[in-house]
Amino acid sequence: MKAEKYGRIINIISTSVKQPIAGLGVSNTIRAAVANWSKTLAGEVAHLGITVNNILLVQQTPFVYKQFLKIKQQNQENQLTK
């Protein structure tokens, strides 16, 4: 990419970057670190014609949303019982 003075780096990130998921401390931390590293890298390679982007893919189907709410509720209940 550097030699070509052109490139695209795309990272697919998780919703846990914006809203950490209970019980996944290490995973949440690493995902947030990757997102922030991408922002830093973007600034460092922009002058070379290389772009770095994070993409959050969200599929909002009724089934997926219901599953998300169920897991969220379970996580909240688990936090209350600790």
Protein backbone atom coordinates (compact mmCIF):
# COMPACT_ATOMS: atom_id res chain seq x y z
CA MET A 1 0.00 0.00 0.00
CA LYS A 2 2.78 2.37 0.91
CA ALA A 3 4.58 1.77 -2.38
CA GLU A 4 1.35 2.15 -4.36
CA LYS A 5 0.36 5.27 -2.38
CA TYR A 6 -3.12 3.83 -2.14
CA GLY A 7 -4.92 1.41 0.12
CA ARG A 8 -7.98 0.65 2.15
CA ILE A 9 -7.99 -0.94 5.59
CA ILE A 10 -11.43 -1.85 6.91
CA ASN A 11 -12.07 -3.21 10.38
CA ILE A 12 -15.43 -4.74 11.24
CA ILE A 13 -16.17 -3.82 14.83
CA SER A 14 -18.67 -4.98 17.43
CA THR A 15 -21.46 -3.12 19.17
CA SER A 16 -19.52 -3.73 22.38
CA VAL A 17 -17.30 -0.83 21.35
CA LYS A 18 -20.21 1.52 22.04
CA GLN A 19 -22.04 -0.51 24.68
CA PRO A 20 -19.84 -2.98 26.61
CA ILE A 21 -21.39 -6.39 27.22
CA ALA A 22 -21.43 -7.62 30.82
CA GLY A 23 -19.13 -10.56 31.48
CA LEU A 24 -16.94 -9.86 28.44
CA GLY A 25 -14.41 -7.47 29.99
CA VAL A 26 -11.37 -8.64 28.03
CA SER A 27 -13.26 -8.84 24.75
CA ASN A 28 -14.80 -5.39 25.26
CA THR A 29 -11.37 -3.93 26.03
CA ILE A 30 -9.68 -5.46 22.99
CA ARG A 31 -12.46 -4.42 20.63
CA ALA A 32 -12.33 -0.83 21.91
CA ALA A 33 -8.55 -0.86 21.54
CA VAL A 34 -8.80 -1.99 17.90
CA ALA A 35 -11.33 0.76 17.15
CA ASN A 36 -9.09 3.42 18.69
CA TRP A 37 -5.95 2.02 17.08
CA SER A 38 -7.69 2.31 13.71
CA LYS A 39 -8.36 6.00 14.35
CA THR A 40 -4.71 6.55 15.24
CA LEU A 41 -3.48 4.58 12.23
CA ALA A 42 -5.80 6.53 9.92
CA GLY A 43 -4.03 9.75 10.89
CA GLU A 44 -0.60 8.21 10.44
CA VAL A 45 -1.16 6.81 6.93
CA ALA A 46 -3.54 9.38 5.42
CA HIS A 47 -0.68 11.25 3.75
CA LEU A 48 0.16 8.01 1.90
CA GLY A 49 -3.30 7.79 0.33
CA ILE A 50 -4.32 4.96 2.66
CA THR A 51 -7.64 5.13 4.47
CA VAL A 52 -8.58 3.22 7.62
CA ASN A 53 -12.22 2.77 8.56
CA ASN A 54 -14.25 0.96 11.19
CA ILE A 55 -17.56 -0.52 10.14
CA LEU A 56 -20.27 -1.64 12.53
CA LEU A 57 -22.63 -4.08 10.87
CA VAL A 58 -26.05 -4.24 12.47
CA GLN A 59 -28.89 -6.35 11.23
CA GLN A 60 -32.08 -5.23 12.91
CA THR A 61 -34.42 -8.11 12.25
CA PRO A 62 -37.15 -8.77 14.80
CA PHE A 63 -35.59 -12.13 15.75
CA VAL A 64 -32.10 -10.70 16.28
CA TYR A 65 -33.48 -7.77 18.27
CA LYS A 66 -35.55 -10.06 20.51
CA GLN A 67 -32.49 -12.24 21.15
CA PHE A 68 -30.44 -9.14 21.97
CA LEU A 69 -33.07 -7.96 24.48
CA LYS A 70 -33.24 -11.41 26.07
CA ILE A 71 -29.46 -11.58 26.53
CA LYS A 72 -29.36 -8.00 27.81
CA GLN A 73 -32.03 -8.79 30.40
CA GLN A 74 -30.20 -11.94 31.48
CA ASN A 75 -26.96 -9.99 31.88
CA GLN A 76 -28.72 -7.34 33.98
CA GLU A 77 -30.31 -10.01 36.17
CA ASN A 78 -26.92 -11.69 36.62
CA GLN A 79 -25.39 -8.38 37.66
CA LEU A 80 -28.11 -7.86 40.30
CA THR A 81 -27.55 -11.29 41.82
CA LYS A 82 -23.80 -10.80 42.27
